[in-house]
Amino acid sequence: MASERVCYGVRVHGRVQGVGFRYSVMRRAQHLGIAGWVRNEPDGTVSLHCEGDSEDIRDFLDYVKTGPPGARVTDVDIKESAPEGRREFSVR
């Protein structure tokens, strides 16, 4: 039984810039078949948009809450979002 397709906008707080966070998130998304994007924000946070199968998104967001070695995630804001119709994941 297939799970539903879901979309979220996410803001990640903590030490998430300058530690390879965006590229590790992109690799994880590509591995799971998730579409979307990730970018650094001027306030030191990282924003991302993700679209995919609900089970894959759950695994992806679990990773985002930790990040790669060297990152220190202190908070993650997750909000449902409208689909953008993306087919791949990119770093902006």
PDB file of N, CA and C in Angstrom:
ATOM      1  N   MET A   1       0.838  -1.183   0.000  1.00  0.00           N
ATOM      2  CA  MET A   1       0.000   0.000   0.000  1.00  0.00           C
ATOM      3  C   MET A   1       0.885   1.249   0.000  1.00  0.00           C
ATOM      4  N   ALA A   2       0.679   2.107  -0.967  1.00  0.00           N
ATOM      5  CA  ALA A   2       1.488   3.316  -1.082  1.00  0.00           C
ATOM      6  C   ALA A   2       1.016   4.354  -0.071  1.00  0.00           C
ATOM      7  N   SER A   3       1.955   5.117   0.465  1.00  0.00           N
ATOM      8  CA  SER A   3       1.567   6.188   1.368  1.00  0.00           C
ATOM      9  C   SER A   3       1.362   7.458   0.541  1.00  0.00           C
ATOM     10  N   GLU A   4       0.758   8.441   1.157  1.00  0.00           N
ATOM     11  CA  GLU A   4       0.420   9.657   0.435  1.00  0.00           C
ATOM     12  C   GLU A   4       1.639  10.552   0.208  1.00  0.00           C
ATOM     13  N   ARG A   5       1.531  11.436  -0.782  1.00  0.00           N
ATOM     14  CA  ARG A   5       2.576  12.415  -1.058  1.00  0.00           C
ATOM     15  C   ARG A   5       2.320  13.626  -0.168  1.00  0.00           C
ATOM     16  N   VAL A   6       3.378  14.098   0.484  1.00  0.00           N
ATOM     17  CA  VAL A   6       3.271  15.238   1.393  1.00  0.00           C
ATOM     18  C   VAL A   6       4.337  16.276   1.052  1.00  0.00           C
ATOM     19  N   CYS A   7       4.103  17.509   1.497  1.00  0.00           N
ATOM     20  CA  CYS A   7       5.037  18.614   1.249  1.00  0.00           C
ATOM     21  C   CYS A   7       5.177  19.440   2.524  1.00  0.00           C
ATOM     22  N   TYR A   8       6.415  19.821   2.825  1.00  0.00           N
ATOM     23  CA  TYR A   8       6.671  20.631   4.005  1.00  0.00           C
ATOM     24  C   TYR A   8       7.684  21.725   3.709  1.00  0.00           C
ATOM     25  N   GLY A   9       7.512  22.851   4.406  1.00  0.00           N
ATOM     26  CA  GLY A   9       8.517  23.890   4.486  1.00  0.00           C
ATOM     27  C   GLY A   9       9.177  23.755   5.847  1.00  0.00           C
ATOM     28  N   VAL A  10      10.495  23.840   5.881  1.00  0.00           N
ATOM     29  CA  VAL A  10      11.232  23.574   7.117  1.00  0.00           C
ATOM     30  C   VAL A  10      12.265  24.672   7.351  1.00  0.00           C
ATOM     31  N   ARG A  11      12.406  25.102   8.605  1.00  0.00           N
ATOM     32  CA  ARG A  11      13.460  26.045   8.999  1.00  0.00           C
ATOM     33  C   ARG A  11      14.261  25.369  10.091  1.00  0.00           C
ATOM     34  N   VAL A  12      15.587  25.273   9.891  1.00  0.00           N
ATOM     35  CA  VAL A  12      16.471  24.576  10.825  1.00  0.00           C
ATOM     36  C   VAL A  12      17.359  25.606  11.521  1.00  0.00           C
ATOM     37  N   HIS A  13      17.382  25.568  12.853  1.00  0.00           N
ATOM     38  CA  HIS A  13      18.150  26.502  13.672  1.00  0.00           C
ATOM     39  C   HIS A  13      19.328  25.777  14.320  1.00  0.00           C
ATOM     40  N   GLY A  14      20.364  26.524  14.633  1.00  0.00           N
ATOM     41  CA  GLY A  14      21.535  25.980  15.311  1.00  0.00           C
ATOM     42  C   GLY A  14      22.785  26.239  14.491  1.00  0.00           C
ATOM     43  N   ARG A  15      23.802  25.408  14.705  1.00  0.00           N
ATOM     44  CA  ARG A  15      25.029  25.528  13.901  1.00  0.00           C
ATOM     45  C   ARG A  15      24.820  24.664  12.649  1.00  0.00           C
ATOM     46  N   VAL A  16      24.241  25.283  11.626  1.00  0.00           N
ATOM     47  CA  VAL A  16      23.863  24.550  10.418  1.00  0.00           C
ATOM     48  C   VAL A  16      24.437  25.177   9.150  1.00  0.00           C
ATOM     49  N   GLN A  17      25.227  26.224   9.297  1.00  0.00           N
ATOM     50  CA  GLN A  17      25.916  26.798   8.145  1.00  0.00           C
ATOM     51  C   GLN A  17      27.412  26.599   8.327  1.00  0.00           C
ATOM     52  N   GLY A  18      28.092  26.306   7.219  1.00  0.00           N
ATOM     53  CA  GLY A  18      29.538  26.099   7.269  1.00  0.00           C
ATOM     54  C   GLY A  18      29.949  24.722   7.758  1.00  0.00           C
ATOM     55  N   VAL A  19      29.004  23.781   7.808  1.00  0.00           N
ATOM     56  CA  VAL A  19      29.305  22.433   8.301  1.00  0.00           C
ATOM     57  C   VAL A  19      28.883  21.351   7.297  1.00  0.00           C
ATOM     58  N   GLY A  20      28.550  21.755   6.068  1.00  0.00           N
ATOM     59  CA  GLY A  20      28.136  20.790   5.046  1.00  0.00           C
ATOM     60  C   GLY A  20      26.688  20.345   5.170  1.00  0.00           C
ATOM     61  N   PHE A  21      25.907  21.109   5.907  1.00  0.00           N
ATOM     62  CA  PHE A  21      24.521  20.726   6.166  1.00  0.00           C
ATOM     63  C   PHE A  21      23.702  20.620   4.878  1.00  0.00           C
ATOM     64  N   ARG A  22      23.764  21.661   4.035  1.00  0.00           N
ATOM     65  CA  ARG A  22      22.934  21.658   2.817  1.00  0.00           C
ATOM     66  C   ARG A  22      23.252  20.481   1.911  1.00  0.00           C
ATOM     67  N   TYR A  23      24.519  20.198   1.713  1.00  0.00           N
ATOM     68  CA  TYR A  23      24.879  19.118   0.788  1.00  0.00           C
ATOM     69  C   TYR A  23      24.572  17.744   1.381  1.00  0.00           C
ATOM     70  N   SER A  24      24.681  17.609   2.689  1.00  0.00           N
ATOM     71  CA  SER A  24      24.321  16.321   3.290  1.00  0.00           C
ATOM     72  C   SER A  24      22.809  16.113   3.212  1.00  0.00           C
ATOM     73  N   VAL A  25      22.044  17.175   3.388  1.00  0.00           N
ATOM     74  CA  VAL A  25      20.589  17.093   3.259  1.00  0.00           C
ATOM     75  C   VAL A  25      20.210  16.737   1.824  1.00  0.00           C
ATOM     76  N   MET A  26      20.883  17.350   0.868  1.00  0.00           N
ATOM     77  CA  MET A  26      20.602  17.049  -0.542  1.00  0.00           C
ATOM     78  C   MET A  26      20.887  15.577  -0.845  1.00  0.00           C
ATOM     79  N   ARG A  27      22.011  15.065  -0.371  1.00  0.00           N
ATOM     80  CA  ARG A  27      22.341  13.652  -0.622  1.00  0.00           C
ATOM     81  C   ARG A  27      21.301  12.722   0.002  1.00  0.00           C
ATOM     82  N   ARG A  28      20.856  13.039   1.210  1.00  0.00           N
ATOM     83  CA  ARG A  28      19.846  12.212   1.870  1.00  0.00           C
ATOM     84  C   ARG A  28      18.523  12.259   1.085  1.00  0.00           C
ATOM     85  N   ALA A  29      18.138  13.448   0.645  1.00  0.00           N
ATOM     86  CA  ALA A  29      16.901  13.591  -0.131  1.00  0.00           C
ATOM     87  C   ALA A  29      16.987  12.795  -1.433  1.00  0.00           C
ATOM     88  N   GLN A  30      18.109  12.889  -2.120  1.00  0.00           N
ATOM     89  CA  GLN A  30      18.273  12.152  -3.376  1.00  0.00           C
ATOM     90  C   GLN A  30      18.223  10.652  -3.127  1.00  0.00           C
ATOM     91  N   HIS A  31      18.822  10.201  -2.046  1.00  0.00           N
ATOM     92  CA  HIS A  31      18.809   8.775  -1.691  1.00  0.00           C
ATOM     93  C   HIS A  31      17.384   8.272  -1.461  1.00  0.00           C
ATOM     94  N   LEU A  32      16.546   9.128  -0.861  1.00  0.00           N
ATOM     95  CA  LEU A  32      15.171   8.744  -0.537  1.00  0.00           C
ATOM     96  C   LEU A  32      14.175   9.058  -1.652  1.00  0.00           C
ATOM     97  N   GLY A  33      14.627   9.720  -2.725  1.00  0.00           N
ATOM     98  CA  GLY A  33      13.726  10.073  -3.820  1.00  0.00           C
ATOM     99  C   GLY A  33      12.830  11.260  -3.511  1.00  0.00           C
ATOM    100  N   ILE A  34      13.314  12.163  -2.670  1.00  0.00           N
ATOM    101  CA  ILE A  34      12.553  13.340  -2.268  1.00  0.00           C
ATOM    102  C   ILE A  34      12.941  14.527  -3.153  1.00  0.00           C
ATOM    103  N   ALA A  35      11.949  15.303  -3.557  1.00  0.00           N
ATOM    104  CA  ALA A  35      12.169  16.498  -4.367  1.00  0.00           C
ATOM    105  C   ALA A  35      12.132  17.730  -3.470  1.00  0.00           C
ATOM    106  N   GLY A  36      12.753  18.812  -3.934  1.00  0.00           N
ATOM    107  CA  GLY A  36      12.711  20.068  -3.194  1.00  0.00           C
ATOM    108  C   GLY A  36      13.991  20.853  -3.320  1.00  0.00           C
ATOM    109  N   TRP A  37      14.281  21.638  -2.303  1.00  0.00           N
ATOM    110  CA  TRP A  37      15.483  22.479  -2.295  1.00  0.00           C
ATOM    111  C   TRP A  37      15.892  22.797  -0.851  1.00  0.00           C
ATOM    112  N   VAL A  38      17.128  23.276  -0.697  1.00  0.00           N
ATOM    113  CA  VAL A  38      17.656  23.711   0.592  1.00  0.00           C
ATOM    114  C   VAL A  38      18.526  24.944   0.359  1.00  0.00           C
ATOM    115  N   ARG A  39      18.467  25.908   1.287  1.00  0.00           N
ATOM    116  CA  ARG A  39      19.288  27.117   1.153  1.00  0.00           C
ATOM    117  C   ARG A  39      19.633  27.705   2.512  1.00  0.00           C
ATOM    118  N   ASN A  40      20.774  28.407   2.562  1.00  0.00           N
ATOM    119  CA  ASN A  40      21.167  29.173   3.747  1.00  0.00           C
ATOM    120  C   ASN A  40      20.354  30.457   3.795  1.00  0.00           C
ATOM    121  N   GLU A  41      20.030  30.894   4.995  1.00  0.00           N
ATOM    122  CA  GLU A  41      19.329  32.168   5.193  1.00  0.00           C
ATOM    123  C   GLU A  41      20.276  33.158   5.866  1.00  0.00           C
ATOM    124  N   PRO A  42      20.060  34.469   5.647  1.00  0.00           N
ATOM    125  CA  PRO A  42      20.952  35.483   6.232  1.00  0.00           C
ATOM    126  C   PRO A  42      21.026  35.446   7.759  1.00  0.00           C
ATOM    127  N   ASP A  43      19.983  34.925   8.428  1.00  0.00           N
ATOM    128  CA  ASP A  43      19.980  34.902   9.894  1.00  0.00           C
ATOM    129  C   ASP A  43      20.718  33.700  10.480  1.00  0.00           C
ATOM    130  N   GLY A  44      21.366  32.881   9.621  1.00  0.00           N
ATOM    131  CA  GLY A  44      22.137  31.737  10.102  1.00  0.00           C
ATOM    132  C   GLY A  44      21.365  30.431  10.119  1.00  0.00           C
ATOM    133  N   THR A  45      20.090  30.480   9.784  1.00  0.00           N
ATOM    134  CA  THR A  45      19.295  29.261   9.703  1.00  0.00           C
ATOM    135  C   THR A  45      19.402  28.666   8.302  1.00  0.00           C
ATOM    136  N   VAL A  46      18.809  27.495   8.128  1.00  0.00           N
ATOM    137  CA  VAL A  46      18.711  26.860   6.821  1.00  0.00           C
ATOM    138  C   VAL A  46      17.232  26.590   6.556  1.00  0.00           C
ATOM    139  N   SER A  47      16.764  26.946   5.358  1.00  0.00           N
ATOM    140  CA  SER A  47      15.390  26.670   4.944  1.00  0.00           C
ATOM    141  C   SER A  47      15.405  25.553   3.925  1.00  0.00           C
ATOM    142  N   LEU A  48      14.335  24.768   3.920  1.00  0.00           N
ATOM    143  CA  LEU A  48      14.209  23.753   2.882  1.00  0.00           C
ATOM    144  C   LEU A  48      12.750  23.469   2.596  1.00  0.00           C
ATOM    145  N   HIS A  49      12.518  22.980   1.403  1.00  0.00           N
ATOM    146  CA  HIS A  49      11.197  22.541   0.957  1.00  0.00           C
ATOM    147  C   HIS A  49      11.364  21.095   0.526  1.00  0.00           C
ATOM    148  N   CYS A  50      10.459  20.228   0.975  1.00  0.00           N
ATOM    149  CA  CYS A  50      10.558  18.821   0.607  1.00  0.00           C
ATOM    150  C   CYS A  50       9.199  18.266   0.209  1.00  0.00           C
ATOM    151  N   GLU A  51       9.206  17.435  -0.833  1.00  0.00           N
ATOM    152  CA  GLU A  51       7.997  16.797  -1.346  1.00  0.00           C
ATOM    153  C   GLU A  51       8.305  15.328  -1.578  1.00  0.00           C
ATOM    154  N   GLY A  52       7.413  14.467  -1.126  1.00  0.00           N
ATOM    155  CA  GLY A  52       7.633  13.054  -1.365  1.00  0.00           C
ATOM    156  C   GLY A  52       6.661  12.176  -0.615  1.00  0.00           C
ATOM    157  N   ASP A  53       6.900  10.894  -0.694  1.00  0.00           N
ATOM    158  CA  ASP A  53       6.125   9.880  -0.005  1.00  0.00           C
ATOM    159  C   ASP A  53       6.210  10.138   1.503  1.00  0.00           C
ATOM    160  N   SER A  54       5.087  10.037   2.199  1.00  0.00           N
ATOM    161  CA  SER A  54       5.059  10.392   3.621  1.00  0.00           C
ATOM    162  C   SER A  54       6.058   9.600   4.461  1.00  0.00           C
ATOM    163  N   GLU A  55       6.258   8.324   4.167  1.00  0.00           N
ATOM    164  CA  GLU A  55       7.229   7.530   4.931  1.00  0.00           C
ATOM    165  C   GLU A  55       8.656   8.001   4.668  1.00  0.00           C
ATOM    166  N   ASP A  56       8.974   8.305   3.409  1.00  0.00           N
ATOM    167  CA  ASP A  56      10.310   8.802   3.068  1.00  0.00           C
ATOM    168  C   ASP A  56      10.547  10.174   3.690  1.00  0.00           C
ATOM    169  N   ILE A  57       9.530  11.021   3.672  1.00  0.00           N
ATOM    170  CA  ILE A  57       9.655  12.356   4.280  1.00  0.00           C
ATOM    171  C   ILE A  57       9.888  12.228   5.786  1.00  0.00           C
ATOM    172  N   ARG A  58       9.215  11.306   6.429  1.00  0.00           N
ATOM    173  CA  ARG A  58       9.421  11.099   7.872  1.00  0.00           C
ATOM    174  C   ARG A  58      10.885  10.733   8.147  1.00  0.00           C
ATOM    175  N   ASP A  59      11.451   9.821   7.356  1.00  0.00           N
ATOM    176  CA  ASP A  59      12.862   9.456   7.515  1.00  0.00           C
ATOM    177  C   ASP A  59      13.773  10.649   7.237  1.00  0.00           C
ATOM    178  N   PHE A  60      13.457  11.408   6.200  1.00  0.00           N
ATOM    179  CA  PHE A  60      14.238  12.579   5.818  1.00  0.00           C
ATOM    180  C   PHE A  60      14.234  13.616   6.950  1.00  0.00           C
ATOM    181  N   LEU A  61      13.065  13.907   7.493  1.00  0.00           N
ATOM    182  CA  LEU A  61      12.979  14.910   8.557  1.00  0.00           C
ATOM    183  C   LEU A  61      13.682  14.445   9.825  1.00  0.00           C
ATOM    184  N   ASP A  62      13.695  13.159  10.095  1.00  0.00           N
ATOM    185  CA  ASP A  62      14.473  12.646  11.226  1.00  0.00           C
ATOM    186  C   ASP A  62      15.951  12.976  11.028  1.00  0.00           C
ATOM    187  N   TYR A  63      16.445  12.841   9.796  1.00  0.00           N
ATOM    188  CA  TYR A  63      17.835  13.176   9.514  1.00  0.00           C
ATOM    189  C   TYR A  63      18.071  14.677   9.676  1.00  0.00           C
ATOM    190  N   VAL A  64      17.168  15.491   9.145  1.00  0.00           N
ATOM    191  CA  VAL A  64      17.311  16.946   9.218  1.00  0.00           C
ATOM    192  C   VAL A  64      17.408  17.410  10.674  1.00  0.00           C
ATOM    193  N   LYS A  65      16.719  16.741  11.564  1.00  0.00           N
ATOM    194  CA  LYS A  65      16.728  17.127  12.981  1.00  0.00           C
ATOM    195  C   LYS A  65      18.078  16.896  13.646  1.00  0.00           C
ATOM    196  N   THR A  66      18.960  16.137  13.001  1.00  0.00           N
ATOM    197  CA  THR A  66      20.297  15.877  13.525  1.00  0.00           C
ATOM    198  C   THR A  66      21.364  16.495  12.634  1.00  0.00           C
ATOM    199  N   GLY A  67      21.274  16.241  11.324  1.00  0.00           N
ATOM    200  CA  GLY A  67      22.250  16.755  10.373  1.00  0.00           C
ATOM    201  C   GLY A  67      23.531  15.952  10.386  1.00  0.00           C
ATOM    202  N   PRO A  68      24.519  16.433   9.645  1.00  0.00           N
ATOM    203  CA  PRO A  68      25.793  15.727   9.539  1.00  0.00           C
ATOM    204  C   PRO A  68      26.667  15.970  10.770  1.00  0.00           C
ATOM    205  N   PRO A  69      27.758  15.188  10.894  1.00  0.00           N
ATOM    206  CA  PRO A  69      28.713  15.476  11.978  1.00  0.00           C
ATOM    207  C   PRO A  69      29.189  16.929  11.848  1.00  0.00           C
ATOM    208  N   GLY A  70      29.292  17.608  12.946  1.00  0.00           N
ATOM    209  CA  GLY A  70      29.710  19.008  12.931  1.00  0.00           C
ATOM    210  C   GLY A  70      28.537  19.967  13.057  1.00  0.00           C
ATOM    211  N   ALA A  71      27.360  19.540  12.675  1.00  0.00           N
ATOM    212  CA  ALA A  71      26.166  20.373  12.837  1.00  0.00           C
ATOM    213  C   ALA A  71      25.644  20.225  14.263  1.00  0.00           C
ATOM    214  N   ARG A  72      24.971  21.248  14.716  1.00  0.00           N
ATOM    215  CA  ARG A  72      24.297  21.183  16.013  1.00  0.00           C
ATOM    216  C   ARG A  72      22.921  21.812  15.844  1.00  0.00           C
ATOM    217  N   VAL A  73      21.941  20.993  15.584  1.00  0.00           N
ATOM    218  CA  VAL A  73      20.571  21.461  15.370  1.00  0.00           C
ATOM    219  C   VAL A  73      19.922  21.706  16.728  1.00  0.00           C
ATOM    220  N   THR A  74      19.414  22.931  16.920  1.00  0.00           N
ATOM    221  CA  THR A  74      18.779  23.273  18.192  1.00  0.00           C
ATOM    222  C   THR A  74      17.258  23.329  18.086  1.00  0.00           C
ATOM    223  N   ASP A  75      16.733  23.561  16.888  1.00  0.00           N
ATOM    224  CA  ASP A  75      15.280  23.633  16.705  1.00  0.00           C
ATOM    225  C   ASP A  75      14.955  23.434  15.235  1.00  0.00           C
ATOM    226  N   VAL A  76      13.803  22.827  14.961  1.00  0.00           N
ATOM    227  CA  VAL A  76      13.343  22.622  13.597  1.00  0.00           C
ATOM    228  C   VAL A  76      11.868  22.995  13.536  1.00  0.00           C
ATOM    229  N   ASP A  77      11.532  23.980  12.709  1.00  0.00           N
ATOM    230  CA  ASP A  77      10.144  24.376  12.491  1.00  0.00           C
ATOM    231  C   ASP A  77       9.672  23.695  11.215  1.00  0.00           C
ATOM    232  N   ILE A  78       8.583  22.938  11.302  1.00  0.00           N
ATOM    233  CA  ILE A  78       8.052  22.195  10.159  1.00  0.00           C
ATOM    234  C   ILE A  78       6.608  22.614   9.950  1.00  0.00           C
ATOM    235  N   LYS A  79       6.293  23.047   8.717  1.00  0.00           N
ATOM    236  CA  LYS A  79       4.930  23.457   8.386  1.00  0.00           C
ATOM    237  C   LYS A  79       4.518  22.812   7.076  1.00  0.00           C
ATOM    238  N   GLU A  80       3.273  22.373   7.008  1.00  0.00           N
ATOM    239  CA  GLU A  80       2.766  21.855   5.741  1.00  0.00           C
ATOM    240  C   GLU A  80       2.880  22.949   4.691  1.00  0.00           C
ATOM    241  N   SER A  81       3.148  22.545   3.461  1.00  0.00           N
ATOM    242  CA  SER A  81       3.391  23.486   2.385  1.00  0.00           C
ATOM    243  C   SER A  81       2.677  23.020   1.125  1.00  0.00           C
ATOM    244  N   ALA A  82       2.452  23.943   0.220  1.00  0.00           N
ATOM    245  CA  ALA A  82       1.858  23.597  -1.072  1.00  0.00           C
ATOM    246  C   ALA A  82       2.929  22.959  -1.957  1.00  0.00           C
ATOM    247  N   PRO A  83       2.562  21.958  -2.733  1.00  0.00           N
ATOM    248  CA  PRO A  83       3.538  21.336  -3.630  1.00  0.00           C
ATOM    249  C   PRO A  83       4.013  22.325  -4.692  1.00  0.00           C
ATOM    250  N   GLU A  84       5.281  22.228  -5.036  1.00  0.00           N
ATOM    251  CA  GLU A  84       5.862  23.049  -6.090  1.00  0.00           C
ATOM    252  C   GLU A  84       6.044  22.243  -7.376  1.00  0.00           C
ATOM    253  N   GLY A  85       5.745  20.944  -7.320  1.00  0.00           N
ATOM    254  CA  GLY A  85       5.864  20.112  -8.508  1.00  0.00           C
ATOM    255  C   GLY A  85       7.296  19.806  -8.912  1.00  0.00           C
ATOM    256  N   ARG A  86       8.209  19.883  -7.979  1.00  0.00           N
ATOM    257  CA  ARG A  86       9.619  19.604  -8.286  1.00  0.00           C
ATOM    258  C   ARG A  86       9.829  18.119  -8.500  1.00  0.00           C
ATOM    259  N   ARG A  87      10.844  17.794  -9.297  1.00  0.00           N
ATOM    260  CA  ARG A  87      11.155  16.391  -9.590  1.00  0.00           C
ATOM    261  C   ARG A  87      12.501  15.965  -9.007  1.00  0.00           C
ATOM    262  N   GLU A  88      13.307  16.926  -8.578  1.00  0.00           N
ATOM    263  CA  GLU A  88      14.595  16.603  -7.975  1.00  0.00           C
ATOM    264  C   GLU A  88      14.870  17.539  -6.824  1.00  0.00           C
ATOM    265  N   PHE A  89      15.969  17.312  -6.120  1.00  0.00           N
ATOM    266  CA  PHE A  89      16.344  18.115  -4.957  1.00  0.00           C
ATOM    267  C   PHE A  89      17.602  18.901  -5.290  1.00  0.00           C
ATOM    268  N   SER A  90      17.643  20.193  -4.916  1.00  0.00           N
ATOM    269  CA  SER A  90      18.795  21.026  -5.247  1.00  0.00           C
ATOM    270  C   SER A  90      19.188  21.914  -4.079  1.00  0.00           C
ATOM    271  N   VAL A  91      20.433  22.387  -4.146  1.00  0.00           N
ATOM    272  CA  VAL A  91      20.945  23.376  -3.201  1.00  0.00           C
ATOM    273  C   VAL A  91      20.813  24.725  -3.881  1.00  0.00           C
ATOM    274  N   ARG A  92      20.254  25.670  -3.181  1.00  0.00           N
ATOM    275  CA  ARG A  92      20.092  27.030  -3.727  1.00  0.00           C
ATOM    276  C   ARG A  92      21.137  27.954  -3.157  1.00  0.00           C
TER     277      ARG A  92
END
